[in-house]
PDB file of N, CA and C in Angstrom:
ATOM      1  N   MET A   1       8.501 -27.232 -35.944  1.00  0.00           N
ATOM      2  CA  MET A   1       9.400 -26.450 -35.133  1.00  0.00           C
ATOM      3  C   MET A   1       8.579 -25.670 -34.092  1.00  0.00           C
ATOM      4  N   ALA A   2       9.086 -25.572 -32.896  1.00  0.00           N
ATOM      5  CA  ALA A   2       8.395 -24.867 -31.810  1.00  0.00           C
ATOM      6  C   ALA A   2       8.509 -23.357 -32.013  1.00  0.00           C
ATOM      7  N   ARG A   3       7.479 -22.670 -31.549  1.00  0.00           N
ATOM      8  CA  ARG A   3       7.521 -21.208 -31.664  1.00  0.00           C
ATOM      9  C   ARG A   3       8.496 -20.616 -30.664  1.00  0.00           C
ATOM     10  N   LYS A   4       9.100 -19.538 -31.069  1.00  0.00           N
ATOM     11  CA  LYS A   4      10.024 -18.825 -30.210  1.00  0.00           C
ATOM     12  C   LYS A   4       9.221 -18.035 -29.168  1.00  0.00           C
ATOM     13  N   PRO A   5       9.607 -18.087 -27.894  1.00  0.00           N
ATOM     14  CA  PRO A   5       8.862 -17.331 -26.877  1.00  0.00           C
ATOM     15  C   PRO A   5       8.967 -15.828 -27.115  1.00  0.00           C
ATOM     16  N   ASN A   6       7.891 -15.140 -26.801  1.00  0.00           N
ATOM     17  CA  ASN A   6       7.851 -13.696 -26.998  1.00  0.00           C
ATOM     18  C   ASN A   6       8.243 -13.014 -25.679  1.00  0.00           C
ATOM     19  N   TYR A   7       9.534 -12.825 -25.490  1.00  0.00           N
ATOM     20  CA  TYR A   7      10.025 -12.255 -24.241  1.00  0.00           C
ATOM     21  C   TYR A   7       9.627 -10.794 -24.091  1.00  0.00           C
ATOM     22  N   ASP A   8       9.494 -10.082 -25.182  1.00  0.00           N
ATOM     23  CA  ASP A   8       9.088  -8.680 -25.098  1.00  0.00           C
ATOM     24  C   ASP A   8       7.692  -8.556 -24.483  1.00  0.00           C
ATOM     25  N   PHE A   9       6.791  -9.454 -24.875  1.00  0.00           N
ATOM     26  CA  PHE A   9       5.444  -9.439 -24.320  1.00  0.00           C
ATOM     27  C   PHE A   9       5.487  -9.708 -22.819  1.00  0.00           C
ATOM     28  N   GLU A  10       6.273 -10.711 -22.413  1.00  0.00           N
ATOM     29  CA  GLU A  10       6.380 -11.053 -20.997  1.00  0.00           C
ATOM     30  C   GLU A  10       6.962  -9.895 -20.200  1.00  0.00           C
ATOM     31  N   LYS A  11       7.978  -9.256 -20.760  1.00  0.00           N
ATOM     32  CA  LYS A  11       8.607  -8.127 -20.077  1.00  0.00           C
ATOM     33  C   LYS A  11       7.627  -6.960 -19.944  1.00  0.00           C
ATOM     34  N   ARG A  12       6.905  -6.666 -21.016  1.00  0.00           N
ATOM     35  CA  ARG A  12       5.928  -5.573 -20.994  1.00  0.00           C
ATOM     36  C   ARG A  12       4.820  -5.873 -19.985  1.00  0.00           C
ATOM     37  N   ARG A  13       4.375  -7.130 -19.961  1.00  0.00           N
ATOM     38  CA  ARG A  13       3.321  -7.510 -19.024  1.00  0.00           C
ATOM     39  C   ARG A  13       3.794  -7.379 -17.579  1.00  0.00           C
ATOM     40  N   LYS A  14       5.035  -7.792 -17.319  1.00  0.00           N
ATOM     41  CA  LYS A  14       5.606  -7.658 -15.977  1.00  0.00           C
ATOM     42  C   LYS A  14       5.650  -6.184 -15.562  1.00  0.00           C
ATOM     43  N   GLU A  15       6.085  -5.321 -16.472  1.00  0.00           N
ATOM     44  CA  GLU A  15       6.154  -3.891 -16.182  1.00  0.00           C
ATOM     45  C   GLU A  15       4.766  -3.317 -15.915  1.00  0.00           C
ATOM     46  N   MET A  16       3.777  -3.768 -16.692  1.00  0.00           N
ATOM     47  CA  MET A  16       2.411  -3.283 -16.488  1.00  0.00           C
ATOM     48  C   MET A  16       1.869  -3.744 -15.133  1.00  0.00           C
ATOM     49  N   ASP A  17       2.156  -4.981 -14.762  1.00  0.00           N
ATOM     50  CA  ASP A  17       1.729  -5.491 -13.452  1.00  0.00           C
ATOM     51  C   ASP A  17       2.380  -4.702 -12.322  1.00  0.00           C
ATOM     52  N   ARG A  18       3.669  -4.416 -12.481  1.00  0.00           N
ATOM     53  CA  ARG A  18       4.406  -3.650 -11.478  1.00  0.00           C
ATOM     54  C   ARG A  18       3.809  -2.248 -11.335  1.00  0.00           C
ATOM     55  N   LYS A  19       3.506  -1.612 -12.467  1.00  0.00           N
ATOM     56  CA  LYS A  19       2.924  -0.268 -12.448  1.00  0.00           C
ATOM     57  C   LYS A  19       1.537  -0.285 -11.804  1.00  0.00           C
ATOM     58  N   ALA A  20       0.733  -1.295 -12.111  1.00  0.00           N
ATOM     59  CA  ALA A  20      -0.607  -1.395 -11.528  1.00  0.00           C
ATOM     60  C   ALA A  20      -0.522  -1.567 -10.013  1.00  0.00           C
ATOM     61  N   LYS A  21       0.419  -2.375  -9.568  1.00  0.00           N
ATOM     62  CA  LYS A  21       0.595  -2.595  -8.129  1.00  0.00           C
ATOM     63  C   LYS A  21       1.034  -1.299  -7.446  1.00  0.00           C
ATOM     64  N   LYS A  22       1.947  -0.585  -8.082  1.00  0.00           N
ATOM     65  CA  LYS A  22       2.449   0.672  -7.534  1.00  0.00           C
ATOM     66  C   LYS A  22       1.320   1.708  -7.453  1.00  0.00           C
ATOM     67  N   ASP A  23       0.501   1.794  -8.506  1.00  0.00           N
ATOM     68  CA  ASP A  23      -0.624   2.728  -8.519  1.00  0.00           C
ATOM     69  C   ASP A  23      -1.648   2.376  -7.439  1.00  0.00           C
ATOM     70  N   ALA A  24      -1.908   1.094  -7.268  1.00  0.00           N
ATOM     71  CA  ALA A  24      -2.862   0.657  -6.246  1.00  0.00           C
ATOM     72  C   ALA A  24      -2.361   1.030  -4.861  1.00  0.00           C
ATOM     73  N   LYS A  25      -1.079   0.843  -4.628  1.00  0.00           N
ATOM     74  CA  LYS A  25      -0.490   1.212  -3.340  1.00  0.00           C
ATOM     75  C   LYS A  25      -0.606   2.716  -3.102  1.00  0.00           C
ATOM     76  N   ARG A  26      -0.318   3.496  -4.154  1.00  0.00           N
ATOM     77  CA  ARG A  26      -0.385   4.949  -4.044  1.00  0.00           C
ATOM     78  C   ARG A  26      -1.817   5.395  -3.739  1.00  0.00           C
ATOM     79  N   ASP A  27      -2.788   4.808  -4.436  1.00  0.00           N
ATOM     80  CA  ASP A  27      -4.187   5.152  -4.212  1.00  0.00           C
ATOM     81  C   ASP A  27      -4.628   4.793  -2.794  1.00  0.00           C
ATOM     82  N   GLU A  28      -4.202   3.626  -2.319  1.00  0.00           N
ATOM     83  CA  GLU A  28      -4.559   3.193  -0.960  1.00  0.00           C
ATOM     84  C   GLU A  28      -3.958   4.140   0.076  1.00  0.00           C
ATOM     85  N   LYS A  29      -2.722   4.536  -0.150  1.00  0.00           N
ATOM     86  CA  LYS A  29      -2.052   5.455   0.775  1.00  0.00           C
ATOM     87  C   LYS A  29      -2.772   6.800   0.797  1.00  0.00           C
ATOM     88  N   LEU A  30      -3.155   7.283  -0.382  1.00  0.00           N
ATOM     89  CA  LEU A  30      -3.879   8.549  -0.474  1.00  0.00           C
ATOM     90  C   LEU A  30      -5.236   8.453   0.235  1.00  0.00           C
ATOM     91  N   ARG A  31      -5.942   7.332   0.038  1.00  0.00           N
ATOM     92  CA  ARG A  31      -7.248   7.132   0.660  1.00  0.00           C
ATOM     93  C   ARG A  31      -7.119   7.110   2.183  1.00  0.00           C
ATOM     94  N   ARG A  32      -6.094   6.405   2.699  1.00  0.00           N
ATOM     95  CA  ARG A  32      -5.889   6.361   4.142  1.00  0.00           C
ATOM     96  C   ARG A  32      -5.542   7.739   4.682  1.00  0.00           C
ATOM     97  N   LYS A  33      -4.770   8.505   3.928  1.00  0.00           N
ATOM     98  CA  LYS A  33      -4.396   9.851   4.354  1.00  0.00           C
ATOM     99  C   LYS A  33      -5.634  10.740   4.434  1.00  0.00           C
ATOM    100  N   GLU A  34      -6.517  10.645   3.430  1.00  0.00           N
ATOM    101  CA  GLU A  34      -7.747  11.433   3.438  1.00  0.00           C
ATOM    102  C   GLU A  34      -8.661  11.023   4.586  1.00  0.00           C
ATOM    103  N   GLU A  35      -8.768   9.736   4.858  1.00  0.00           N
ATOM    104  CA  GLU A  35      -9.584   9.262   5.966  1.00  0.00           C
ATOM    105  C   GLU A  35      -9.016   9.763   7.287  1.00  0.00           C
ATOM    106  N   GLY A  36      -7.710   9.786   7.400  1.00  0.00           N
ATOM    107  CA  GLY A  36      -7.060  10.287   8.612  1.00  0.00           C
ATOM    108  C   GLY A  36      -7.360  11.757   8.815  1.00  0.00           C
ATOM    109  N   ALA A  37      -7.385  12.527   7.744  1.00  0.00           N
ATOM    110  CA  ALA A  37      -7.676  13.952   7.840  1.00  0.00           C
ATOM    111  C   ALA A  37      -9.116  14.161   8.285  1.00  0.00           C
ATOM    112  N   VAL A  38     -10.021  13.323   7.801  1.00  0.00           N
ATOM    113  CA  VAL A  38     -11.420  13.419   8.196  1.00  0.00           C
ATOM    114  C   VAL A  38     -11.565  13.035   9.660  1.00  0.00           C
ATOM    115  N   ASN A  39     -10.885  11.973  10.078  1.00  0.00           N
ATOM    116  CA  ASN A  39     -10.977  11.512  11.454  1.00  0.00           C
ATOM    117  C   ASN A  39     -10.326  12.491  12.425  1.00  0.00           C
ATOM    118  N   ASP A  40      -9.337  13.240  11.986  1.00  0.00           N
ATOM    119  CA  ASP A  40      -8.677  14.208  12.849  1.00  0.00           C
ATOM    120  C   ASP A  40      -9.559  15.422  13.118  1.00  0.00           C
ATOM    121  N   ALA A  41     -10.585  15.631  12.324  1.00  0.00           N
ATOM    122  CA  ALA A  41     -11.463  16.780  12.516  1.00  0.00           C
ATOM    123  C   ALA A  41     -12.299  16.624  13.772  1.00  0.00           C
ATOM    124  N   TYR A  42     -12.533  15.390  14.209  1.00  0.00           N
ATOM    125  CA  TYR A  42     -13.330  15.126  15.405  1.00  0.00           C
ATOM    126  C   TYR A  42     -12.427  14.604  16.505  1.00  0.00           C
ATOM    127  N   PRO A  43     -12.676  14.989  17.758  1.00  0.00           N
ATOM    128  CA  PRO A  43     -11.827  14.478  18.843  1.00  0.00           C
ATOM    129  C   PRO A  43     -12.060  12.977  19.032  1.00  0.00           C
ATOM    130  N   PRO A  44     -11.039  12.252  19.389  1.00  0.00           N
ATOM    131  CA  PRO A  44     -11.210  10.806  19.580  1.00  0.00           C
ATOM    132  C   PRO A  44     -12.083  10.511  20.793  1.00  0.00           C
ATOM    133  N   VAL A  45     -12.821   9.439  20.726  1.00  0.00           N
ATOM    134  CA  VAL A  45     -13.676   9.019  21.833  1.00  0.00           C
ATOM    135  C   VAL A  45     -12.817   8.247  22.808  1.00  0.00           C
ATOM    136  N   THR A  46     -12.890   8.618  24.088  1.00  0.00           N
ATOM    137  CA  THR A  46     -12.109   7.929  25.110  1.00  0.00           C
ATOM    138  C   THR A  46     -13.017   7.037  25.928  1.00  0.00           C
ATOM    139  N   GLU A  47     -12.437   6.200  26.766  1.00  0.00           N
ATOM    140  CA  GLU A  47     -13.220   5.302  27.605  1.00  0.00           C
ATOM    141  C   GLU A  47     -14.064   6.092  28.598  1.00  0.00           C
ATOM    142  N   ALA A  48     -13.562   7.202  29.093  1.00  0.00           N
ATOM    143  CA  ALA A  48     -14.299   8.014  30.056  1.00  0.00           C
ATOM    144  C   ALA A  48     -15.591   8.539  29.425  1.00  0.00           C
ATOM    145  N   ASP A  49     -15.558   8.850  28.127  1.00  0.00           N
ATOM    146  CA  ASP A  49     -16.752   9.323  27.444  1.00  0.00           C
ATOM    147  C   ASP A  49     -17.785   8.212  27.317  1.00  0.00           C
ATOM    148  N   ASP A  50     -17.339   6.980  27.182  1.00  0.00           N
ATOM    149  CA  ASP A  50     -18.241   5.854  26.993  1.00  0.00           C
ATOM    150  C   ASP A  50     -18.906   5.409  28.293  1.00  0.00           C
ATOM    151  N   LEU A  51     -18.300   5.721  29.438  1.00  0.00           N
ATOM    152  CA  LEU A  51     -18.812   5.223  30.703  1.00  0.00           C
ATOM    153  C   LEU A  51     -19.995   6.036  31.239  1.00  0.00           C
ATOM    154  N   GLY A  52     -20.227   7.181  30.727  1.00  0.00           N
ATOM    155  CA  GLY A  52     -21.328   8.016  31.200  1.00  0.00           C
ATOM    156  C   GLY A  52     -20.858   8.944  32.304  1.00  0.00           C
ATOM    157  N   PRO A  53     -21.789   9.394  33.189  1.00  0.00           N
ATOM    158  CA  PRO A  53     -21.393  10.346  34.244  1.00  0.00           C
ATOM    159  C   PRO A  53     -20.441   9.701  35.252  1.00  0.00           C
ATOM    160  N   ALA A  54     -19.545  10.534  35.782  1.00  0.00           N
ATOM    161  CA  ALA A  54     -18.537  10.043  36.724  1.00  0.00           C
ATOM    162  C   ALA A  54     -19.174   9.706  38.063  1.00  0.00           C
ATOM    163  N   THR A  55     -20.237  10.422  38.488  1.00  0.00           N
ATOM    164  CA  THR A  55     -20.881  10.141  39.764  1.00  0.00           C
ATOM    165  C   THR A  55     -22.189   9.408  39.522  1.00  0.00           C
ATOM    166  N   PRO A  56     -22.465   8.377  40.313  1.00  0.00           N
ATOM    167  CA  PRO A  56     -23.725   7.651  40.130  1.00  0.00           C
ATOM    168  C   PRO A  56     -24.921   8.466  40.610  1.00  0.00           C
ATOM    169  N   ASP A  57     -26.081   8.206  40.037  1.00  0.00           N
ATOM    170  CA  ASP A  57     -27.298   8.887  40.467  1.00  0.00           C
ATOM    171  C   ASP A  57     -27.709   8.367  41.853  1.00  0.00           C
ATOM    172  N   PRO A  58     -28.172   9.266  42.752  1.00  0.00           N
ATOM    173  CA  PRO A  58     -28.530   8.841  44.123  1.00  0.00           C
ATOM    174  C   PRO A  58     -29.898   8.136  44.202  1.00  0.00           C
ATOM    175  N   ASP A  59     -30.525   7.793  43.131  1.00  0.00           N
ATOM    176  CA  ASP A  59     -31.843   7.142  43.169  1.00  0.00           C
ATOM    177  C   ASP A  59     -31.855   5.829  43.844  1.00  0.00           C
TER     178      ASP A  59
END
């Protein structure tokens, strides 16, 4: 006779997978939020800052 499937195990495993995915999402969101707070402490670099002085040297 074939064994009866253990649906409780499958259900518990599904719930654990769902919880792990939810926790991972929460952690990622928190990490991005913290990185954003760190990045907001410094002014963003603009293209004008990268180009150097606005007037060329007369050399």
